[in-house]
Amino acid sequence: RAQARLEKAFFTEGESATIPDLDLAMVPIATGTFAMGSENGSGNEKPVTQVRLTKPYWLGATEVTQRQWSAVMGNNPSNFKGESLPMENVSWEQAMTFCRKLTERERAAGRLPAGYGYTLPSEAQWEYACRAGTTGDYAGELNAMAWYGSNSGNTTHAVGTKQANGWGLYDMHGNVWEWCADWYGDYAGGSVTEPRGPTSGTNRVSRGGGWINDASYCRSARRDGLEPGGRYGSLGFRLALSSVP
């Protein structure tokens, strides 16, 4: 009964919530299907794969900021300093450490539903949320939605200052690239349910493009792979809250 009250009070399926003291809004993402990948991009976006997501999840409305990172980790290794700027210059491994620490903190405070934890989104969860029901290269007009090479002035910008996509998510295009949970690998093609990428690999997926890139890198389907220990001034991450396998 206490758990039911907790879920109703804080994380209720289909309703948004904010992580206390971090002011980090989490947007509910409903189940659904979409075409993952593109015929317009490089070979690593093919074959276009029909994806079915059967488990609802939450995704951060913005990229994790430096203030939020510092509150959990007690440091700030970013290149561009500013509390409201997106966190960058953190490896995949460091981003996962942030997720684990936040999960432990929120569980101890009684603010997480049983069986849920903070993590990085899967690549499929990321693209589904980025597209927000759209099927083209971008979820809207790029200049209105993204800080990228043509308008960034060669720096990051405060999160949430461009237009959100149709599901209320900011900076899915541009500002900084975002780590995803998956190992980088080829798409399966056909139809798949809740894909999680290869079981092992060398690189982890990054998505979304950043302040340094031209428009082609910011497309919804654009993907890349980087060593999980690498750190870059144009790469950060966004939180997901989903059921723990």
C-alpha atoms as a PDB file:
ATOM      1  CA  ARG A   1       0.000   0.000   0.000  1.00  0.00           C
ATOM      2  CA  ALA A   2       2.836   2.388   0.844  1.00  0.00           C
ATOM      3  CA  GLN A   3       4.458   1.688  -2.528  1.00  0.00           C
ATOM      4  CA  ALA A   4       1.186   2.389  -4.307  1.00  0.00           C
ATOM      5  CA  ARG A   5       0.950   5.735  -2.520  1.00  0.00           C
ATOM      6  CA  LEU A   6       4.541   6.527  -3.499  1.00  0.00           C
ATOM      7  CA  GLU A   7       3.923   5.767  -7.175  1.00  0.00           C
ATOM      8  CA  LYS A   8       0.768   7.846  -7.167  1.00  0.00           C
ATOM      9  CA  ALA A   9       2.503  10.722  -5.421  1.00  0.00           C
ATOM     10  CA  PHE A  10       5.671  10.815  -7.502  1.00  0.00           C
ATOM     11  CA  PHE A  11       5.953   8.604 -10.593  1.00  0.00           C
ATOM     12  CA  THR A  12       2.615   7.682 -12.105  1.00  0.00           C
ATOM     13  CA  GLU A  13       2.528   6.184 -15.571  1.00  0.00           C
ATOM     14  CA  GLY A  14       1.697   8.853 -18.128  1.00  0.00           C
ATOM     15  CA  GLU A  15       2.380  11.762 -15.792  1.00  0.00           C
ATOM     16  CA  SER A  16       5.442  14.004 -15.640  1.00  0.00           C
ATOM     17  CA  ALA A  17       7.508  14.473 -12.485  1.00  0.00           C
ATOM     18  CA  THR A  18      10.487  16.502 -11.305  1.00  0.00           C
ATOM     19  CA  ILE A  19      13.437  15.102  -9.361  1.00  0.00           C
ATOM     20  CA  PRO A  20      13.428  17.036  -6.080  1.00  0.00           C
ATOM     21  CA  ASP A  21      16.237  19.597  -5.522  1.00  0.00           C
ATOM     22  CA  LEU A  22      17.681  18.954  -8.990  1.00  0.00           C
ATOM     23  CA  ASP A  23      14.740  20.612 -10.771  1.00  0.00           C
ATOM     24  CA  LEU A  24      15.097  17.956 -13.440  1.00  0.00           C
ATOM     25  CA  ALA A  25      11.783  17.385 -15.206  1.00  0.00           C
ATOM     26  CA  MET A  26      11.079  13.847 -16.377  1.00  0.00           C
ATOM     27  CA  VAL A  27       8.682  13.499 -19.305  1.00  0.00           C
ATOM     28  CA  PRO A  28       6.525  10.349 -19.621  1.00  0.00           C
ATOM     29  CA  ILE A  29       6.986   8.497 -22.902  1.00  0.00           C
ATOM     30  CA  ALA A  30       4.137   6.161 -23.844  1.00  0.00           C
ATOM     31  CA  THR A  31       4.528   2.821 -25.598  1.00  0.00           C
ATOM     32  CA  GLY A  32       4.350   2.744 -29.372  1.00  0.00           C
ATOM     33  CA  THR A  33       5.927   1.743 -32.666  1.00  0.00           C
ATOM     34  CA  PHE A  34       8.127   3.633 -35.128  1.00  0.00           C
ATOM     35  CA  ALA A  35      10.499   3.186 -38.052  1.00  0.00           C
ATOM     36  CA  MET A  36      14.053   3.398 -36.684  1.00  0.00           C
ATOM     37  CA  GLY A  37      16.803   4.534 -39.022  1.00  0.00           C
ATOM     38  CA  SER A  38      16.773   6.229 -42.405  1.00  0.00           C
ATOM     39  CA  GLU A  39      17.345   5.579 -46.079  1.00  0.00           C
ATOM     40  CA  ASN A  40      18.717   9.137 -46.423  1.00  0.00           C
ATOM     41  CA  GLY A  41      21.784   8.839 -44.247  1.00  0.00           C
ATOM     42  CA  SER A  42      24.943   6.788 -44.059  1.00  0.00           C
ATOM     43  CA  GLY A  43      24.960   3.015 -44.156  1.00  0.00           C
ATOM     44  CA  ASN A  44      24.871   2.642 -40.377  1.00  0.00           C
ATOM     45  CA  GLU A  45      21.267   3.902 -40.348  1.00  0.00           C
ATOM     46  CA  LYS A  46      20.093   0.969 -42.473  1.00  0.00           C
ATOM     47  CA  PRO A  47      18.158  -1.201 -42.790  1.00  0.00           C
ATOM     48  CA  VAL A  48      15.203   0.807 -41.513  1.00  0.00           C
ATOM     49  CA  THR A  49      13.764  -1.329 -38.716  1.00  0.00           C
ATOM     50  CA  GLN A  50      10.234  -1.394 -37.355  1.00  0.00           C
ATOM     51  CA  VAL A  51      10.525  -1.051 -33.576  1.00  0.00           C
ATOM     52  CA  ARG A  52       7.891  -1.750 -30.970  1.00  0.00           C
ATOM     53  CA  LEU A  53       8.369  -0.288 -27.486  1.00  0.00           C
ATOM     54  CA  THR A  54       6.112  -2.059 -25.001  1.00  0.00           C
ATOM     55  CA  LYS A  55       7.303  -0.532 -21.733  1.00  0.00           C
ATOM     56  CA  PRO A  56       6.548   3.088 -20.831  1.00  0.00           C
ATOM     57  CA  TYR A  57       9.469   5.125 -19.547  1.00  0.00           C
ATOM     58  CA  TRP A  58      10.431   8.675 -18.593  1.00  0.00           C
ATOM     59  CA  LEU A  59      13.067  10.830 -20.235  1.00  0.00           C
ATOM     60  CA  GLY A  60      14.701  14.019 -19.011  1.00  0.00           C
ATOM     61  CA  ALA A  61      13.120  17.088 -20.577  1.00  0.00           C
ATOM     62  CA  THR A  62      16.650  18.447 -20.976  1.00  0.00           C
ATOM     63  CA  GLU A  63      20.201  17.219 -21.034  1.00  0.00           C
ATOM     64  CA  VAL A  64      21.739  16.873 -17.562  1.00  0.00           C
ATOM     65  CA  THR A  65      23.158  20.233 -16.540  1.00  0.00           C
ATOM     66  CA  GLN A  66      26.358  21.052 -14.728  1.00  0.00           C
ATOM     67  CA  ARG A  67      24.428  22.060 -11.607  1.00  0.00           C
ATOM     68  CA  GLN A  68      22.614  18.729 -11.563  1.00  0.00           C
ATOM     69  CA  TRP A  69      25.813  16.791 -12.143  1.00  0.00           C
ATOM     70  CA  SER A  70      27.672  18.663  -9.386  1.00  0.00           C
ATOM     71  CA  ALA A  71      24.845  18.075  -6.899  1.00  0.00           C
ATOM     72  CA  VAL A  72      25.160  14.313  -7.342  1.00  0.00           C
ATOM     73  CA  MET A  73      28.858  13.850  -8.150  1.00  0.00           C
ATOM     74  CA  GLY A  74      30.514  16.720  -6.265  1.00  0.00           C
ATOM     75  CA  ASN A  75      32.697  17.802  -9.193  1.00  0.00           C
ATOM     76  CA  ASN A  76      32.470  19.459 -12.601  1.00  0.00           C
ATOM     77  CA  PRO A  77      34.904  18.333 -15.323  1.00  0.00           C
ATOM     78  CA  SER A  78      33.066  20.140 -18.149  1.00  0.00           C
ATOM     79  CA  ASN A  79      34.918  22.316 -20.635  1.00  0.00           C
ATOM     80  CA  PHE A  80      32.329  25.102 -20.866  1.00  0.00           C
ATOM     81  CA  LYS A  81      31.455  26.255 -17.360  1.00  0.00           C
ATOM     82  CA  GLY A  82      27.959  27.313 -16.350  1.00  0.00           C
ATOM     83  CA  GLU A  83      25.323  25.833 -14.060  1.00  0.00           C
ATOM     84  CA  SER A  84      22.600  25.757 -16.704  1.00  0.00           C
ATOM     85  CA  LEU A  85      24.875  24.540 -19.492  1.00  0.00           C
ATOM     86  CA  PRO A  86      24.705  20.870 -20.452  1.00  0.00           C
ATOM     87  CA  MET A  87      27.204  18.583 -18.803  1.00  0.00           C
ATOM     88  CA  GLU A  88      29.916  17.444 -21.223  1.00  0.00           C
ATOM     89  CA  ASN A  89      33.417  16.033 -21.151  1.00  0.00           C
ATOM     90  CA  VAL A  90      32.124  12.967 -19.293  1.00  0.00           C
ATOM     91  CA  SER A  91      32.583   9.398 -20.447  1.00  0.00           C
ATOM     92  CA  TRP A  92      29.830   6.820 -20.863  1.00  0.00           C
ATOM     93  CA  GLU A  93      31.164   5.148 -17.727  1.00  0.00           C
ATOM     94  CA  GLN A  94      30.956   8.391 -15.744  1.00  0.00           C
ATOM     95  CA  ALA A  95      27.424   9.027 -16.989  1.00  0.00           C
ATOM     96  CA  MET A  96      26.399   5.557 -15.800  1.00  0.00           C
ATOM     97  CA  THR A  97      28.008   6.243 -12.424  1.00  0.00           C
ATOM     98  CA  PHE A  98      25.857   9.376 -12.155  1.00  0.00           C
ATOM     99  CA  CYS A  99      22.775   7.273 -12.928  1.00  0.00           C
ATOM    100  CA  ARG A 100      23.664   4.683 -10.290  1.00  0.00           C
ATOM    101  CA  LYS A 101      24.346   7.300  -7.622  1.00  0.00           C
ATOM    102  CA  LEU A 102      21.097   9.106  -8.367  1.00  0.00           C
ATOM    103  CA  THR A 103      19.178   5.823  -8.255  1.00  0.00           C
ATOM    104  CA  GLU A 104      20.675   4.978  -4.855  1.00  0.00           C
ATOM    105  CA  ARG A 105      19.892   8.456  -3.536  1.00  0.00           C
ATOM    106  CA  GLU A 106      16.294   8.453  -4.735  1.00  0.00           C
ATOM    107  CA  ARG A 107      15.631   4.915  -3.512  1.00  0.00           C
ATOM    108  CA  ALA A 108      16.982   5.816  -0.082  1.00  0.00           C
ATOM    109  CA  ALA A 109      14.647   8.826  -0.034  1.00  0.00           C
ATOM    110  CA  GLY A 110      11.668   6.650  -0.993  1.00  0.00           C
ATOM    111  CA  ARG A 111      11.095   8.489  -4.253  1.00  0.00           C
ATOM    112  CA  LEU A 112      11.374   5.653  -6.788  1.00  0.00           C
ATOM    113  CA  PRO A 113       8.763   3.044  -7.694  1.00  0.00           C
ATOM    114  CA  ALA A 114       9.852  -0.540  -7.038  1.00  0.00           C
ATOM    115  CA  GLY A 115      11.698  -2.056  -9.970  1.00  0.00           C
ATOM    116  CA  TYR A 116      12.688   1.273 -11.564  1.00  0.00           C
ATOM    117  CA  GLY A 117      16.049   2.983 -11.845  1.00  0.00           C
ATOM    118  CA  TYR A 118      17.779   5.903 -13.532  1.00  0.00           C
ATOM    119  CA  THR A 119      19.911   4.995 -16.520  1.00  0.00           C
ATOM    120  CA  LEU A 120      20.752   6.085 -20.045  1.00  0.00           C
ATOM    121  CA  PRO A 121      18.053   5.582 -22.671  1.00  0.00           C
ATOM    122  CA  SER A 122      18.398   2.727 -25.112  1.00  0.00           C
ATOM    123  CA  GLU A 123      19.137   3.840 -28.645  1.00  0.00           C
ATOM    124  CA  ALA A 124      15.590   2.901 -29.664  1.00  0.00           C
ATOM    125  CA  GLN A 125      14.084   4.829 -26.747  1.00  0.00           C
ATOM    126  CA  TRP A 126      16.203   7.838 -27.691  1.00  0.00           C
ATOM    127  CA  GLU A 127      15.236   7.934 -31.373  1.00  0.00           C
ATOM    128  CA  TYR A 128      11.558   7.254 -30.636  1.00  0.00           C
ATOM    129  CA  ALA A 129      11.501  10.217 -28.235  1.00  0.00           C
ATOM    130  CA  CYS A 130      13.536  12.439 -30.553  1.00  0.00           C
ATOM    131  CA  ARG A 131      11.146  11.842 -33.445  1.00  0.00           C
ATOM    132  CA  ALA A 132       8.086  12.454 -31.243  1.00  0.00           C
ATOM    133  CA  GLY A 133       5.837  10.995 -33.918  1.00  0.00           C
ATOM    134  CA  THR A 134       7.613  12.584 -36.896  1.00  0.00           C
ATOM    135  CA  THR A 135       9.158  10.660 -39.777  1.00  0.00           C
ATOM    136  CA  GLY A 136      11.485  13.172 -41.475  1.00  0.00           C
ATOM    137  CA  ASP A 137      15.083  14.132 -40.819  1.00  0.00           C
ATOM    138  CA  TYR A 138      14.163  16.448 -37.935  1.00  0.00           C
ATOM    139  CA  ALA A 139      11.276  16.730 -35.494  1.00  0.00           C
ATOM    140  CA  GLY A 140      10.680  20.341 -36.553  1.00  0.00           C
ATOM    141  CA  GLU A 141      12.539  23.354 -37.953  1.00  0.00           C
ATOM    142  CA  LEU A 142      16.181  22.813 -37.022  1.00  0.00           C
ATOM    143  CA  ASN A 143      17.188  26.422 -36.373  1.00  0.00           C
ATOM    144  CA  ALA A 144      14.280  26.795 -33.966  1.00  0.00           C
ATOM    145  CA  MET A 145      15.103  23.548 -32.126  1.00  0.00           C
ATOM    146  CA  ALA A 146      18.876  23.198 -32.105  1.00  0.00           C
ATOM    147  CA  TRP A 147      22.162  24.820 -31.192  1.00  0.00           C
ATOM    148  CA  TYR A 148      24.506  23.527 -33.885  1.00  0.00           C
ATOM    149  CA  GLY A 149      27.389  24.669 -36.077  1.00  0.00           C
ATOM    150  CA  SER A 150      25.439  27.378 -37.897  1.00  0.00           C
ATOM    151  CA  ASN A 151      24.145  29.217 -34.818  1.00  0.00           C
ATOM    152  CA  SER A 152      26.021  28.065 -31.704  1.00  0.00           C
ATOM    153  CA  GLY A 153      28.956  30.463 -31.836  1.00  0.00           C
ATOM    154  CA  ASN A 154      31.196  27.453 -31.102  1.00  0.00           C
ATOM    155  CA  THR A 155      29.933  26.910 -27.586  1.00  0.00           C
ATOM    156  CA  THR A 156      27.218  25.105 -25.660  1.00  0.00           C
ATOM    157  CA  HIS A 157      24.104  26.961 -24.525  1.00  0.00           C
ATOM    158  CA  ALA A 158      21.786  26.786 -21.531  1.00  0.00           C
ATOM    159  CA  VAL A 159      19.489  23.787 -21.855  1.00  0.00           C
ATOM    160  CA  GLY A 160      15.858  24.343 -22.755  1.00  0.00           C
ATOM    161  CA  THR A 161      16.394  27.644 -24.534  1.00  0.00           C
ATOM    162  CA  LYS A 162      15.389  26.364 -27.977  1.00  0.00           C
ATOM    163  CA  GLN A 163      12.008  25.023 -29.037  1.00  0.00           C
ATOM    164  CA  ALA A 164      10.974  21.640 -27.635  1.00  0.00           C
ATOM    165  CA  ASN A 165       9.810  18.800 -29.844  1.00  0.00           C
ATOM    166  CA  GLY A 166       6.187  17.697 -29.874  1.00  0.00           C
ATOM    167  CA  TRP A 167       6.615  15.654 -26.702  1.00  0.00           C
ATOM    168  CA  GLY A 168       8.163  18.440 -24.639  1.00  0.00           C
ATOM    169  CA  LEU A 169      11.807  17.361 -24.955  1.00  0.00           C
ATOM    170  CA  TYR A 170      14.483  20.023 -25.491  1.00  0.00           C
ATOM    171  CA  ASP A 171      17.846  19.828 -27.278  1.00  0.00           C
ATOM    172  CA  MET A 172      17.274  16.383 -28.751  1.00  0.00           C
ATOM    173  CA  HIS A 173      18.846  17.979 -31.829  1.00  0.00           C
ATOM    174  CA  GLY A 174      22.118  19.775 -31.146  1.00  0.00           C
ATOM    175  CA  ASN A 175      23.719  21.437 -28.115  1.00  0.00           C
ATOM    176  CA  VAL A 176      25.638  18.289 -27.095  1.00  0.00           C
ATOM    177  CA  TRP A 177      25.634  14.732 -28.351  1.00  0.00           C
ATOM    178  CA  GLU A 178      24.064  12.289 -25.885  1.00  0.00           C
ATOM    179  CA  TRP A 179      25.305   8.912 -24.719  1.00  0.00           C
ATOM    180  CA  CYS A 180      22.888   6.002 -25.055  1.00  0.00           C
ATOM    181  CA  ALA A 181      23.005   2.731 -23.139  1.00  0.00           C
ATOM    182  CA  ASP A 182      23.606   0.420 -26.107  1.00  0.00           C
ATOM    183  CA  TRP A 183      26.743  -1.002 -27.591  1.00  0.00           C
ATOM    184  CA  TYR A 184      27.109   0.293 -31.135  1.00  0.00           C
ATOM    185  CA  GLY A 185      26.211  -2.239 -33.838  1.00  0.00           C
ATOM    186  CA  ASP A 186      24.154  -2.960 -36.939  1.00  0.00           C
ATOM    187  CA  TYR A 187      20.369  -2.768 -37.107  1.00  0.00           C
ATOM    188  CA  ALA A 188      18.477  -6.025 -37.318  1.00  0.00           C
ATOM    189  CA  GLY A 189      15.956  -5.009 -39.977  1.00  0.00           C
ATOM    190  CA  GLY A 190      12.431  -6.367 -40.066  1.00  0.00           C
ATOM    191  CA  SER A 191      10.375  -5.921 -36.895  1.00  0.00           C
ATOM    192  CA  VAL A 192      11.796  -6.034 -33.363  1.00  0.00           C
ATOM    193  CA  THR A 193      10.491  -5.416 -29.844  1.00  0.00           C
ATOM    194  CA  GLU A 194      12.425  -3.421 -27.226  1.00  0.00           C
ATOM    195  CA  PRO A 195      15.827  -3.687 -28.963  1.00  0.00           C
ATOM    196  CA  ARG A 196      18.853  -3.134 -26.756  1.00  0.00           C
ATOM    197  CA  GLY A 197      21.690  -3.392 -29.270  1.00  0.00           C
ATOM    198  CA  PRO A 198      24.485  -5.982 -29.312  1.00  0.00           C
ATOM    199  CA  THR A 199      25.364  -7.851 -26.123  1.00  0.00           C
ATOM    200  CA  SER A 200      28.977  -6.669 -26.358  1.00  0.00           C
ATOM    201  CA  GLY A 201      31.145  -4.364 -28.406  1.00  0.00           C
ATOM    202  CA  THR A 202      33.881  -1.758 -28.537  1.00  0.00           C
ATOM    203  CA  ASN A 203      31.920   1.502 -28.753  1.00  0.00           C
ATOM    204  CA  ARG A 204      28.781   2.910 -27.135  1.00  0.00           C
ATOM    205  CA  VAL A 205      26.127   4.782 -29.103  1.00  0.00           C
ATOM    206  CA  SER A 206      25.972   8.581 -29.179  1.00  0.00           C
ATOM    207  CA  ARG A 207      23.045  10.540 -30.657  1.00  0.00           C
ATOM    208  CA  GLY A 208      21.702  13.977 -31.526  1.00  0.00           C
ATOM    209  CA  GLY A 209      24.596  16.024 -32.840  1.00  0.00           C
ATOM    210  CA  GLY A 210      26.134  18.985 -31.067  1.00  0.00           C
ATOM    211  CA  TRP A 211      27.150  22.626 -31.122  1.00  0.00           C
ATOM    212  CA  ILE A 212      30.168  21.821 -33.278  1.00  0.00           C
ATOM    213  CA  ASN A 213      28.347  19.960 -36.080  1.00  0.00           C
ATOM    214  CA  ASP A 214      26.557  20.813 -39.291  1.00  0.00           C
ATOM    215  CA  ALA A 215      22.867  20.034 -39.770  1.00  0.00           C
ATOM    216  CA  SER A 216      23.366  16.537 -41.172  1.00  0.00           C
ATOM    217  CA  TYR A 217      24.777  15.342 -37.843  1.00  0.00           C
ATOM    218  CA  CYS A 218      21.674  16.524 -35.994  1.00  0.00           C
ATOM    219  CA  ARG A 219      19.145  14.366 -37.852  1.00  0.00           C
ATOM    220  CA  SER A 220      16.840  12.157 -35.787  1.00  0.00           C
ATOM    221  CA  ALA A 221      18.359   8.993 -37.288  1.00  0.00           C
ATOM    222  CA  ARG A 222      22.030  10.031 -37.117  1.00  0.00           C
ATOM    223  CA  ARG A 223      24.110   7.699 -34.964  1.00  0.00           C
ATOM    224  CA  ASP A 224      27.716   7.271 -34.004  1.00  0.00           C
ATOM    225  CA  GLY A 225      29.812   5.057 -31.767  1.00  0.00           C
ATOM    226  CA  LEU A 226      32.558   6.089 -29.356  1.00  0.00           C
ATOM    227  CA  GLU A 227      34.749   4.340 -26.820  1.00  0.00           C
ATOM    228  CA  PRO A 228      32.924   4.320 -23.462  1.00  0.00           C
ATOM    229  CA  GLY A 229      35.935   5.774 -21.699  1.00  0.00           C
ATOM    230  CA  GLY A 230      36.200   8.734 -24.070  1.00  0.00           C
ATOM    231  CA  ARG A 231      35.386  12.302 -23.013  1.00  0.00           C
ATOM    232  CA  TYR A 232      34.467  15.089 -25.412  1.00  0.00           C
ATOM    233  CA  GLY A 233      33.459  18.729 -25.093  1.00  0.00           C
ATOM    234  CA  SER A 234      30.499  18.136 -27.398  1.00  0.00           C
ATOM    235  CA  LEU A 235      29.113  15.011 -25.695  1.00  0.00           C
ATOM    236  CA  GLY A 236      26.874  14.754 -22.627  1.00  0.00           C
ATOM    237  CA  PHE A 237      23.791  12.752 -21.726  1.00  0.00           C
ATOM    238  CA  ARG A 238      20.121  12.718 -20.811  1.00  0.00           C
ATOM    239  CA  LEU A 239      18.495  10.684 -18.038  1.00  0.00           C
ATOM    240  CA  ALA A 240      15.995   7.913 -18.545  1.00  0.00           C
ATOM    241  CA  LEU A 241      13.880   6.274 -15.865  1.00  0.00           C
ATOM    242  CA  SER A 242      12.784   2.794 -16.808  1.00  0.00           C
ATOM    243  CA  SER A 243      12.118  -0.628 -15.381  1.00  0.00           C
ATOM    244  CA  VAL A 244      15.268  -2.447 -14.271  1.00  0.00           C
ATOM    245  CA  PRO A 245      15.863  -5.678 -16.256  1.00  0.00           C
END
